[in-house]
């Protein structure tokens, strides 16, 4: 009895087709502190706690969200944040403030024992827009509460940062630079207001 080679050849062809149809690789991204930032004066010897941080619901998800047109956005299933965006923003602002204030006592609220902070920074990101190959836009409302004082320091930082490349890495780097500009504004407010 002679066995047919057709089923074996069909299996090889199907395996080759399936191998060529594999999904693209998923890339994970994190925001980074700006290593070029420097203190704009003498070190500020106070404790600063960053948090809470809020972000718009549209971008509060694992996927990078990019603007396609005025009414259209794209969720990229293969470009994802390596951590929740709120956590990444808080960590970057804390790291930037460490450099800008020259203080090692800057932390994120989840890492801090309650009651030990002189300054508490809340950041509400109202816009976190990504336009690939063009620019990112960050609009942040921030409040600094100084321990022992009833009044609050408030400000708004609106930043548009060019994207220096066409890929997602360049997009994320532009967001990191935009957050450094927000951090500079917050640091300047803290420097103008001594602890209570």
N, C-alpha and C. Protein backbone atom coordinates (compact mmCIF):
# COMPACT_ATOMS: atom_id res chain seq x y z
N UNK A 1 0.84 -1.17 0.00
CA UNK A 1 0.00 0.00 0.00
C UNK A 1 0.88 1.23 0.00
N UNK A 2 0.62 2.13 -0.92
CA UNK A 2 1.43 3.33 -1.08
C UNK A 2 0.79 4.49 -0.33
N UNK A 3 1.59 5.18 0.53
CA UNK A 3 1.06 6.32 1.28
C UNK A 3 1.16 7.58 0.45
N UNK A 4 0.18 8.41 0.59
CA UNK A 4 0.15 9.66 -0.17
C UNK A 4 1.03 10.70 0.51
N UNK A 5 1.79 11.45 -0.28
CA UNK A 5 2.63 12.52 0.25
C UNK A 5 1.88 13.85 0.36
N UNK A 6 0.68 13.89 -0.17
CA UNK A 6 -0.08 15.14 -0.15
C UNK A 6 -0.36 15.66 1.25
N UNK A 7 -0.83 14.86 2.19
CA UNK A 7 -1.10 15.40 3.53
C UNK A 7 0.16 15.95 4.20
N UNK A 8 1.30 15.28 4.01
CA UNK A 8 2.53 15.76 4.63
C UNK A 8 2.96 17.09 4.00
N UNK A 9 2.87 17.21 2.71
CA UNK A 9 3.23 18.45 2.02
C UNK A 9 2.28 19.57 2.42
N UNK A 10 1.00 19.25 2.58
CA UNK A 10 0.03 20.27 3.00
C UNK A 10 0.35 20.78 4.39
N UNK A 11 0.77 19.89 5.29
CA UNK A 11 1.12 20.29 6.66
C UNK A 11 2.32 21.23 6.65
N UNK A 12 3.31 20.94 5.82
CA UNK A 12 4.50 21.79 5.73
C UNK A 12 4.12 23.17 5.22
N UNK A 13 3.24 23.22 4.20
CA UNK A 13 2.81 24.52 3.66
C UNK A 13 2.03 25.33 4.69
N UNK A 14 1.15 24.68 5.42
CA UNK A 14 0.35 25.37 6.44
C UNK A 14 1.29 25.91 7.53
N UNK A 15 2.26 25.13 7.96
CA UNK A 15 3.20 25.58 9.00
C UNK A 15 4.00 26.77 8.51
N UNK A 16 4.42 26.77 7.27
CA UNK A 16 5.19 27.89 6.72
C UNK A 16 4.34 29.15 6.66
N UNK A 17 3.08 29.02 6.28
CA UNK A 17 2.18 30.17 6.20
C UNK A 17 1.94 30.74 7.60
N UNK A 18 1.69 29.85 8.56
CA UNK A 18 1.44 30.31 9.93
C UNK A 18 2.67 31.00 10.53
N UNK A 19 3.85 30.51 10.23
CA UNK A 19 5.07 31.14 10.73
C UNK A 19 5.22 32.55 10.19
N UNK A 20 4.80 32.76 8.96
CA UNK A 20 4.88 34.09 8.35
C UNK A 20 3.81 35.05 8.87
N UNK A 21 2.80 34.51 9.54
CA UNK A 21 1.68 35.34 10.03
C UNK A 21 1.81 35.66 11.51
N UNK A 22 2.97 35.53 12.08
CA UNK A 22 3.10 35.81 13.51
C UNK A 22 2.87 37.29 13.78
N UNK A 23 2.38 37.59 14.96
CA UNK A 23 2.07 38.97 15.35
C UNK A 23 3.35 39.78 15.52
N UNK A 24 3.25 41.09 15.31
CA UNK A 24 4.42 41.93 15.58
C UNK A 24 4.77 41.86 17.06
N UNK A 25 6.00 42.14 17.35
CA UNK A 25 6.48 42.13 18.73
C UNK A 25 5.95 43.35 19.47
N UNK A 26 5.51 43.16 20.71
CA UNK A 26 5.04 44.26 21.54
C UNK A 26 6.23 44.94 22.20
N UNK A 27 6.28 46.27 22.12
CA UNK A 27 7.33 47.05 22.77
C UNK A 27 6.73 47.77 23.97
N UNK A 28 7.50 47.86 25.04
CA UNK A 28 7.06 48.52 26.27
C UNK A 28 7.93 49.75 26.51
N UNK A 29 7.30 50.85 26.93
CA UNK A 29 8.00 52.13 27.08
C UNK A 29 7.81 52.70 28.48
N UNK A 30 8.80 53.45 28.94
CA UNK A 30 8.71 54.18 30.19
C UNK A 30 9.17 55.61 29.97
N UNK A 31 8.60 56.51 30.74
CA UNK A 31 9.06 57.89 30.74
C UNK A 31 10.36 57.95 31.51
N UNK A 32 11.22 58.93 31.19
CA UNK A 32 12.51 59.04 31.87
C UNK A 32 12.73 60.45 32.37
N UNK A 33 13.41 60.54 33.52
CA UNK A 33 13.80 61.84 34.05
C UNK A 33 14.82 62.47 33.12
N UNK A 34 14.88 63.79 33.12
CA UNK A 34 15.82 64.52 32.27
C UNK A 34 17.16 64.65 33.00
N UNK A 35 18.15 63.93 32.53
CA UNK A 35 19.46 63.92 33.20
C UNK A 35 20.24 65.22 33.03
N UNK A 36 19.77 66.11 32.16
CA UNK A 36 20.48 67.39 31.95
C UNK A 36 20.00 68.48 32.91
N UNK A 37 18.93 68.22 33.67
CA UNK A 37 18.43 69.24 34.59
C UNK A 37 19.42 69.51 35.71
N UNK A 38 19.52 70.77 36.10
CA UNK A 38 20.39 71.16 37.21
C UNK A 38 19.66 72.12 38.11
N UNK A 39 20.06 72.13 39.38
CA UNK A 39 19.47 73.05 40.34
C UNK A 39 19.73 74.49 39.91
N UNK A 40 18.69 75.33 40.04
CA UNK A 40 18.79 76.73 39.63
C UNK A 40 19.22 77.62 40.79
N UNK A 41 19.84 77.06 41.78
CA UNK A 41 20.30 77.81 42.95
C UNK A 41 20.80 76.83 43.99
N UNK A 42 20.91 77.32 45.23
CA UNK A 42 21.38 76.46 46.32
C UNK A 42 20.40 75.31 46.54
N UNK A 43 20.88 74.18 47.02
CA UNK A 43 19.97 73.07 47.30
C UNK A 43 18.88 73.48 48.29
N UNK A 44 17.69 72.96 48.09
CA UNK A 44 16.56 73.23 48.97
C UNK A 44 16.43 72.04 49.91
N UNK A 45 16.69 72.25 51.18
CA UNK A 45 16.73 71.15 52.15
C UNK A 45 15.34 70.91 52.76
N UNK A 46 14.42 70.46 51.94
CA UNK A 46 13.07 70.15 52.40
C UNK A 46 12.63 68.82 51.80
N UNK A 47 11.58 68.25 52.40
CA UNK A 47 10.98 67.04 51.84
C UNK A 47 9.87 67.43 50.88
N UNK A 48 9.80 66.75 49.76
CA UNK A 48 8.77 66.98 48.75
C UNK A 48 8.16 65.63 48.39
N UNK A 49 6.85 65.59 48.38
CA UNK A 49 6.14 64.36 48.00
C UNK A 49 5.29 64.66 46.77
N UNK A 50 5.46 63.86 45.73
CA UNK A 50 4.70 64.04 44.49
C UNK A 50 3.56 63.03 44.46
N UNK A 51 2.36 63.53 44.35
CA UNK A 51 1.19 62.67 44.25
C UNK A 51 0.06 63.21 45.10
N UNK A 52 -1.15 62.95 44.67
CA UNK A 52 -1.51 62.09 43.54
C UNK A 52 -1.30 62.77 42.19
N UNK A 53 -1.25 61.94 41.16
CA UNK A 53 -1.19 62.40 39.77
C UNK A 53 -2.40 61.80 39.06
N UNK A 54 -3.09 62.63 38.29
CA UNK A 54 -4.20 62.12 37.48
C UNK A 54 -3.88 62.35 36.00
N UNK A 55 -4.44 61.50 35.16
CA UNK A 55 -4.28 61.65 33.70
C UNK A 55 -5.66 61.50 33.07
N UNK A 56 -5.85 62.03 31.86
CA UNK A 56 -7.16 61.87 31.20
C UNK A 56 -7.50 60.40 30.96
N UNK A 57 -8.80 60.08 31.07
CA UNK A 57 -9.25 58.70 30.85
C UNK A 57 -8.80 58.16 29.49
N UNK A 58 -8.77 59.02 28.50
CA UNK A 58 -8.41 58.58 27.15
C UNK A 58 -7.04 57.91 27.10
N UNK A 59 -6.08 58.40 27.89
CA UNK A 59 -4.73 57.85 27.84
C UNK A 59 -4.40 56.97 29.05
N UNK A 60 -5.35 56.82 29.97
CA UNK A 60 -5.13 56.02 31.17
C UNK A 60 -5.38 54.54 30.86
N UNK A 61 -4.49 53.99 30.06
CA UNK A 61 -4.60 52.60 29.60
C UNK A 61 -3.20 52.11 29.23
N UNK A 62 -3.02 50.81 29.07
CA UNK A 62 -1.68 50.29 28.77
C UNK A 62 -1.13 50.72 27.41
N UNK A 63 -2.00 50.89 26.41
CA UNK A 63 -1.54 51.19 25.06
C UNK A 63 -1.17 52.67 24.93
N UNK A 64 -0.18 52.95 24.07
CA UNK A 64 0.09 54.33 23.68
C UNK A 64 -1.07 54.79 22.80
N UNK A 65 -1.56 55.98 23.07
CA UNK A 65 -2.68 56.54 22.31
C UNK A 65 -2.14 57.72 21.51
N UNK A 66 -2.33 57.66 20.20
CA UNK A 66 -1.83 58.74 19.35
C UNK A 66 -2.99 59.39 18.60
N UNK A 67 -2.79 60.66 18.28
CA UNK A 67 -3.80 61.44 17.56
C UNK A 67 -3.61 61.20 16.06
N UNK A 68 -4.68 60.76 15.39
CA UNK A 68 -4.66 60.53 13.95
C UNK A 68 -5.19 61.76 13.23
N UNK A 69 -6.29 62.30 13.74
CA UNK A 69 -6.90 63.51 13.17
C UNK A 69 -7.64 64.21 14.29
N UNK A 70 -8.35 65.28 13.95
CA UNK A 70 -9.07 66.04 14.95
C UNK A 70 -10.03 65.21 15.79
N UNK A 71 -10.66 64.22 15.18
CA UNK A 71 -11.65 63.40 15.89
C UNK A 71 -11.27 61.94 15.99
N UNK A 72 -10.05 61.58 15.64
CA UNK A 72 -9.68 60.17 15.63
C UNK A 72 -8.37 59.94 16.37
N UNK A 73 -8.38 58.90 17.21
CA UNK A 73 -7.16 58.49 17.91
C UNK A 73 -6.90 57.02 17.59
N UNK A 74 -5.67 56.60 17.84
CA UNK A 74 -5.30 55.21 17.58
C UNK A 74 -4.70 54.62 18.85
N UNK A 75 -5.18 53.45 19.24
CA UNK A 75 -4.60 52.70 20.35
C UNK A 75 -3.66 51.67 19.75
N UNK A 76 -2.39 51.77 20.08
CA UNK A 76 -1.40 50.87 19.50
C UNK A 76 -1.22 49.66 20.40
N UNK A 77 -1.74 48.52 19.97
CA UNK A 77 -1.67 47.29 20.77
C UNK A 77 -0.24 46.79 20.93
N UNK A 78 0.67 47.25 20.07
CA UNK A 78 2.03 46.74 20.11
C UNK A 78 3.02 47.77 20.67
N UNK A 79 2.52 48.89 21.16
CA UNK A 79 3.34 49.90 21.85
C UNK A 79 2.61 50.21 23.15
N UNK A 80 3.19 49.76 24.26
CA UNK A 80 2.50 49.84 25.54
C UNK A 80 3.39 50.47 26.61
N UNK A 81 2.73 51.06 27.59
CA UNK A 81 3.46 51.58 28.74
C UNK A 81 3.92 50.42 29.61
N UNK A 82 5.13 50.52 30.11
CA UNK A 82 5.67 49.47 30.98
C UNK A 82 5.14 49.55 32.40
N UNK A 83 4.46 50.63 32.74
CA UNK A 83 3.84 50.82 34.06
C UNK A 83 2.63 51.72 33.86
N UNK A 84 1.73 51.79 34.82
CA UNK A 84 0.60 52.72 34.66
C UNK A 84 1.12 54.14 34.41
N UNK A 85 0.48 54.85 33.50
CA UNK A 85 0.94 56.17 33.11
C UNK A 85 1.01 57.12 34.30
N UNK A 86 0.02 57.06 35.19
CA UNK A 86 0.02 57.93 36.39
C UNK A 86 1.29 57.71 37.22
N UNK A 87 1.66 56.46 37.39
CA UNK A 87 2.86 56.13 38.18
C UNK A 87 4.11 56.65 37.49
N UNK A 88 4.16 56.48 36.16
CA UNK A 88 5.32 56.96 35.42
C UNK A 88 5.48 58.46 35.48
N UNK A 89 4.37 59.19 35.35
CA UNK A 89 4.42 60.66 35.42
C UNK A 89 4.89 61.10 36.80
N UNK A 90 4.34 60.50 37.86
CA UNK A 90 4.74 60.85 39.23
C UNK A 90 6.23 60.59 39.46
N UNK A 91 6.71 59.44 39.01
CA UNK A 91 8.11 59.09 39.22
C UNK A 91 9.05 60.04 38.47
N UNK A 92 8.69 60.41 37.25
CA UNK A 92 9.53 61.31 36.46
C UNK A 92 9.56 62.71 37.08
N UNK A 93 8.41 63.21 37.48
CA UNK A 93 8.38 64.54 38.11
C UNK A 93 9.19 64.53 39.41
N UNK A 94 9.06 63.48 40.20
CA UNK A 94 9.84 63.37 41.44
C UNK A 94 11.34 63.36 41.15
N UNK A 95 11.75 62.59 40.15
CA UNK A 95 13.18 62.52 39.80
C UNK A 95 13.68 63.86 39.26
N UNK A 96 12.85 64.52 38.44
CA UNK A 96 13.24 65.84 37.92
C UNK A 96 13.36 66.85 39.07
N UNK A 97 12.41 66.84 40.01
CA UNK A 97 12.47 67.76 41.14
C UNK A 97 13.69 67.50 42.03
N UNK A 98 14.09 66.25 42.14
CA UNK A 98 15.30 65.93 42.90
C UNK A 98 16.49 66.70 42.33
N UNK A 99 16.62 66.72 41.02
CA UNK A 99 17.72 67.44 40.37
C UNK A 99 17.54 68.96 40.47
N UNK A 100 16.33 69.43 40.19
CA UNK A 100 16.08 70.87 40.14
C UNK A 100 16.18 71.54 41.51
N UNK A 101 15.83 70.81 42.58
CA UNK A 101 15.90 71.36 43.92
C UNK A 101 17.19 71.00 44.64
N UNK A 102 17.95 70.08 44.08
CA UNK A 102 19.18 69.63 44.72
C UNK A 102 18.90 68.92 46.03
N UNK A 103 17.74 68.28 46.12
CA UNK A 103 17.33 67.61 47.36
C UNK A 103 17.14 66.12 47.14
N UNK A 104 17.76 65.31 47.98
CA UNK A 104 17.54 63.86 47.87
C UNK A 104 16.23 63.43 48.54
N UNK A 105 15.52 64.36 49.15
CA UNK A 105 14.30 64.03 49.90
C UNK A 105 13.04 64.31 49.09
N UNK A 106 13.03 63.86 47.84
CA UNK A 106 11.86 63.97 46.98
C UNK A 106 11.40 62.55 46.69
N UNK A 107 10.11 62.29 46.88
CA UNK A 107 9.60 60.94 46.67
C UNK A 107 8.20 60.99 46.06
N UNK A 108 7.72 59.80 45.71
CA UNK A 108 6.36 59.64 45.20
C UNK A 108 5.48 59.28 46.39
N UNK A 109 4.24 59.74 46.40
CA UNK A 109 3.38 59.57 47.58
C UNK A 109 3.25 58.13 48.04
N UNK A 110 3.27 57.17 47.15
CA UNK A 110 3.14 55.77 47.56
C UNK A 110 4.38 55.25 48.29
N UNK A 111 5.47 56.01 48.24
CA UNK A 111 6.72 55.58 48.90
C UNK A 111 6.99 56.34 50.19
N UNK A 112 6.04 57.12 50.66
CA UNK A 112 6.28 58.04 51.75
C UNK A 112 5.42 57.73 52.96
N UNK A 113 6.00 57.91 54.15
CA UNK A 113 5.24 57.78 55.38
C UNK A 113 4.45 59.06 55.58
N UNK A 114 3.16 58.96 55.86
CA UNK A 114 2.30 60.15 56.00
C UNK A 114 2.82 61.08 57.09
N UNK A 115 2.71 62.37 56.83
CA UNK A 115 3.06 63.37 57.83
C UNK A 115 4.51 63.80 57.83
N UNK A 116 5.34 63.27 56.94
CA UNK A 116 6.75 63.64 56.96
C UNK A 116 7.12 64.68 55.91
N UNK A 117 6.14 65.12 55.12
CA UNK A 117 6.47 65.99 54.00
C UNK A 117 6.28 67.47 54.33
N UNK A 118 7.16 68.30 53.81
CA UNK A 118 7.02 69.75 53.93
C UNK A 118 6.22 70.30 52.77
N UNK A 119 6.39 69.70 51.60
CA UNK A 119 5.66 70.12 50.39
C UNK A 119 4.99 68.89 49.79
N UNK A 120 3.71 69.04 49.44
CA UNK A 120 3.01 67.96 48.74
C UNK A 120 2.53 68.49 47.40
N UNK A 121 2.93 67.82 46.33
CA UNK A 121 2.65 68.27 44.97
C UNK A 121 1.58 67.36 44.35
N UNK A 122 0.48 67.97 43.94
CA UNK A 122 -0.56 67.25 43.20
C UNK A 122 -0.50 67.72 41.75
N UNK A 123 -0.58 66.77 40.82
CA UNK A 123 -0.53 67.11 39.40
C UNK A 123 -1.72 66.48 38.70
N UNK A 124 -2.50 67.33 38.04
CA UNK A 124 -3.62 66.86 37.23
C UNK A 124 -3.29 67.13 35.77
N UNK A 125 -2.97 66.07 35.05
CA UNK A 125 -2.68 66.20 33.62
C UNK A 125 -4.02 66.29 32.90
N UNK A 126 -4.29 67.42 32.27
CA UNK A 126 -5.57 67.57 31.56
C UNK A 126 -5.43 67.28 30.06
N UNK A 127 -4.19 67.28 29.57
CA UNK A 127 -3.95 66.90 28.17
C UNK A 127 -2.62 66.16 28.11
N UNK A 128 -2.63 65.02 27.41
CA UNK A 128 -1.41 64.23 27.20
C UNK A 128 -1.52 63.71 25.78
N UNK A 129 -1.26 64.60 24.84
CA UNK A 129 -1.50 64.34 23.42
C UNK A 129 -0.23 63.90 22.71
N UNK A 130 -0.36 62.95 21.81
CA UNK A 130 0.76 62.41 21.05
C UNK A 130 0.46 62.46 19.56
N UNK A 131 1.26 63.20 18.81
CA UNK A 131 1.11 63.25 17.36
C UNK A 131 2.42 62.74 16.77
N UNK A 132 2.46 61.47 16.31
CA UNK A 132 3.70 60.87 15.84
C UNK A 132 4.41 61.70 14.77
N UNK A 133 5.73 61.82 14.93
CA UNK A 133 6.54 62.53 13.96
C UNK A 133 6.38 64.04 13.99
N UNK A 134 5.53 64.55 14.87
CA UNK A 134 5.26 65.98 14.91
C UNK A 134 5.54 66.58 16.29
N UNK A 135 4.66 66.33 17.26
CA UNK A 135 4.81 66.95 18.57
C UNK A 135 3.97 66.21 19.61
N UNK A 136 4.30 66.47 20.88
CA UNK A 136 3.44 66.05 21.98
C UNK A 136 2.99 67.32 22.70
N UNK A 137 1.85 67.22 23.37
CA UNK A 137 1.35 68.35 24.14
C UNK A 137 0.97 67.85 25.53
N UNK A 138 1.46 68.55 26.54
CA UNK A 138 1.12 68.25 27.93
C UNK A 138 0.58 69.52 28.55
N UNK A 139 -0.60 69.41 29.13
CA UNK A 139 -1.22 70.53 29.86
C UNK A 139 -1.44 70.02 31.28
N UNK A 140 -0.78 70.63 32.24
CA UNK A 140 -0.82 70.15 33.62
C UNK A 140 -1.24 71.27 34.57
N UNK A 141 -2.23 70.98 35.39
CA UNK A 141 -2.58 71.84 36.51
C UNK A 141 -1.90 71.26 37.73
N UNK A 142 -1.19 72.07 38.49
CA UNK A 142 -0.51 71.54 39.66
C UNK A 142 -0.74 72.43 40.88
N UNK A 143 -0.70 71.76 42.02
CA UNK A 143 -0.91 72.43 43.30
C UNK A 143 0.19 71.97 44.25
N UNK A 144 0.76 72.92 44.98
CA UNK A 144 1.76 72.59 46.00
C UNK A 144 1.19 73.02 47.34
N UNK A 145 1.03 72.06 48.24
CA UNK A 145 0.58 72.36 49.60
C UNK A 145 1.81 72.38 50.49
N UNK A 146 1.99 73.48 51.20
CA UNK A 146 3.13 73.62 52.11
C UNK A 146 2.65 73.29 53.51
N UNK A 147 3.32 72.36 54.17
CA UNK A 147 2.93 71.96 55.52
C UNK A 147 2.94 73.17 56.44
N UNK A 148 1.86 73.32 57.23
CA UNK A 148 1.77 74.43 58.17
C UNK A 148 1.17 75.70 57.59
N UNK A 149 0.77 75.68 56.34
CA UNK A 149 0.16 76.85 55.70
C UNK A 149 -1.19 76.50 55.14
N UNK A 150 -2.10 77.47 55.20
CA UNK A 150 -3.44 77.24 54.67
C UNK A 150 -3.51 77.50 53.17
N UNK A 151 -2.70 78.44 52.68
CA UNK A 151 -2.77 78.77 51.26
C UNK A 151 -2.02 77.74 50.42
N UNK A 152 -2.45 77.60 49.17
CA UNK A 152 -1.84 76.65 48.25
C UNK A 152 -1.13 77.41 47.14
N UNK A 153 -0.05 76.83 46.65
CA UNK A 153 0.59 77.34 45.44
C UNK A 153 -0.06 76.61 44.28
N UNK A 154 -0.51 77.35 43.28
CA UNK A 154 -1.13 76.70 42.13
C UNK A 154 -0.50 77.22 40.85
N UNK A 155 -0.54 76.40 39.84
CA UNK A 155 0.00 76.82 38.55
C UNK A 155 -0.50 75.93 37.44
N UNK A 156 -0.21 76.36 36.24
CA UNK A 156 -0.57 75.59 35.05
C UNK A 156 0.61 75.62 34.10
N UNK A 157 1.00 74.46 33.64
CA UNK A 157 2.10 74.35 32.68
C UNK A 157 1.54 73.76 31.39
N UNK A 158 1.65 74.51 30.32
CA UNK A 158 1.20 74.05 29.00
C UNK A 158 2.43 73.95 28.10
N UNK A 159 2.74 72.74 27.67
CA UNK A 159 3.99 72.49 26.95
C UNK A 159 3.69 71.78 25.64
N UNK A 160 4.28 72.25 24.57
CA UNK A 160 4.26 71.54 23.28
C UNK A 160 5.71 71.26 22.93
N UNK A 161 6.05 70.00 22.79
CA UNK A 161 7.43 69.58 22.57
C UNK A 161 7.54 68.85 21.24
N UNK A 162 8.45 69.28 20.36
CA UNK A 162 8.60 68.57 19.08
C UNK A 162 9.10 67.14 19.28
N UNK A 163 8.65 66.26 18.39
CA UNK A 163 9.11 64.86 18.39
C UNK A 163 10.28 64.78 17.43
N UNK A 164 11.39 64.25 17.90
CA UNK A 164 12.62 64.19 17.10
C UNK A 164 12.80 62.80 16.51
N UNK A 165 11.86 62.41 15.66
CA UNK A 165 11.90 61.10 15.02
C UNK A 165 10.49 60.63 14.74
N UNK A 166 10.37 59.55 13.98
CA UNK A 166 9.05 59.08 13.57
C UNK A 166 8.56 57.87 14.37
N UNK A 167 9.38 57.34 15.28
CA UNK A 167 8.98 56.12 15.98
C UNK A 167 8.42 56.42 17.37
N UNK A 168 7.95 55.37 18.04
CA UNK A 168 7.34 55.52 19.36
C UNK A 168 8.37 55.93 20.42
N UNK A 169 9.62 55.50 20.26
CA UNK A 169 10.67 55.89 21.20
C UNK A 169 10.84 57.41 21.22
N UNK A 170 10.81 58.02 20.04
CA UNK A 170 10.94 59.48 19.95
C UNK A 170 9.73 60.17 20.57
N UNK A 171 8.56 59.58 20.41
CA UNK A 171 7.34 60.13 20.98
C UNK A 171 7.40 60.14 22.51
N UNK A 172 7.83 59.02 23.09
CA UNK A 172 7.93 58.91 24.55
C UNK A 172 9.01 59.85 25.08
N UNK A 173 10.13 59.97 24.37
CA UNK A 173 11.19 60.89 24.79
C UNK A 173 10.69 62.33 24.80
N UNK A 174 9.85 62.70 23.84
CA UNK A 174 9.29 64.05 23.80
C UNK A 174 8.38 64.28 25.01
N UNK A 175 7.62 63.28 25.40
CA UNK A 175 6.79 63.41 26.61
C UNK A 175 7.66 63.59 27.85
N UNK A 176 8.78 62.89 27.92
CA UNK A 176 9.68 63.05 29.06
C UNK A 176 10.22 64.48 29.12
N UNK A 177 10.58 65.04 27.97
CA UNK A 177 11.05 66.43 27.93
C UNK A 177 9.96 67.41 28.33
N UNK A 178 8.73 67.14 27.88
CA UNK A 178 7.61 68.01 28.25
C UNK A 178 7.37 67.98 29.76
N UNK A 179 7.47 66.81 30.37
CA UNK A 179 7.30 66.71 31.82
C UNK A 179 8.43 67.41 32.57
N UNK A 180 9.62 67.45 31.97
CA UNK A 180 10.73 68.20 32.60
C UNK A 180 10.39 69.68 32.67
N UNK A 181 9.70 70.21 31.65
CA UNK A 181 9.28 71.61 31.66
C UNK A 181 8.25 71.84 32.76
N UNK A 182 7.32 70.90 32.95
CA UNK A 182 6.36 71.00 34.05
C UNK A 182 7.10 71.00 35.38
N UNK A 183 8.07 70.12 35.52
CA UNK A 183 8.85 70.04 36.76
C UNK A 183 9.60 71.34 37.05
N UNK A 184 10.12 71.99 36.01
CA UNK A 184 10.81 73.27 36.20
C UNK A 184 9.88 74.32 36.80
N UNK A 185 8.63 74.36 36.31
CA UNK A 185 7.66 75.31 36.85
C UNK A 185 7.35 75.03 38.32
N UNK A 186 7.18 73.76 38.66
CA UNK A 186 6.89 73.38 40.04
C UNK A 186 8.08 73.71 40.95
N UNK A 187 9.28 73.39 40.48
CA UNK A 187 10.48 73.67 41.28
C UNK A 187 10.63 75.17 41.54
N UNK A 188 10.35 75.99 40.54
CA UNK A 188 10.46 77.45 40.70
C UNK A 188 9.47 77.93 41.76
N UNK A 189 8.25 77.38 41.77
CA UNK A 189 7.27 77.76 42.79
C UNK A 189 7.71 77.36 44.18
N UNK A 190 8.29 76.17 44.32
CA UNK A 190 8.78 75.71 45.62
C UNK A 190 9.92 76.60 46.10
N UNK A 191 10.82 76.95 45.22
CA UNK A 191 11.95 77.80 45.60
C UNK A 191 11.49 79.19 46.07
N UNK A 192 10.40 79.69 45.52
CA UNK A 192 9.90 81.02 45.90
C UNK A 192 9.19 81.01 47.25
N UNK A 193 8.82 79.81 47.74
CA UNK A 193 8.01 79.71 48.96
C UNK A 193 8.72 78.88 50.02
N UNK A 194 9.32 79.51 51.03
CA UNK A 194 9.96 78.74 52.08
C UNK A 194 8.93 77.95 52.90
N UNK A 195 9.37 76.88 53.55
CA UNK A 195 8.43 76.09 54.36
C UNK A 195 7.84 76.92 55.49
N UNK A 196 6.61 76.55 55.92
CA UNK A 196 5.90 77.29 56.95
C UNK A 196 6.43 77.07 58.36
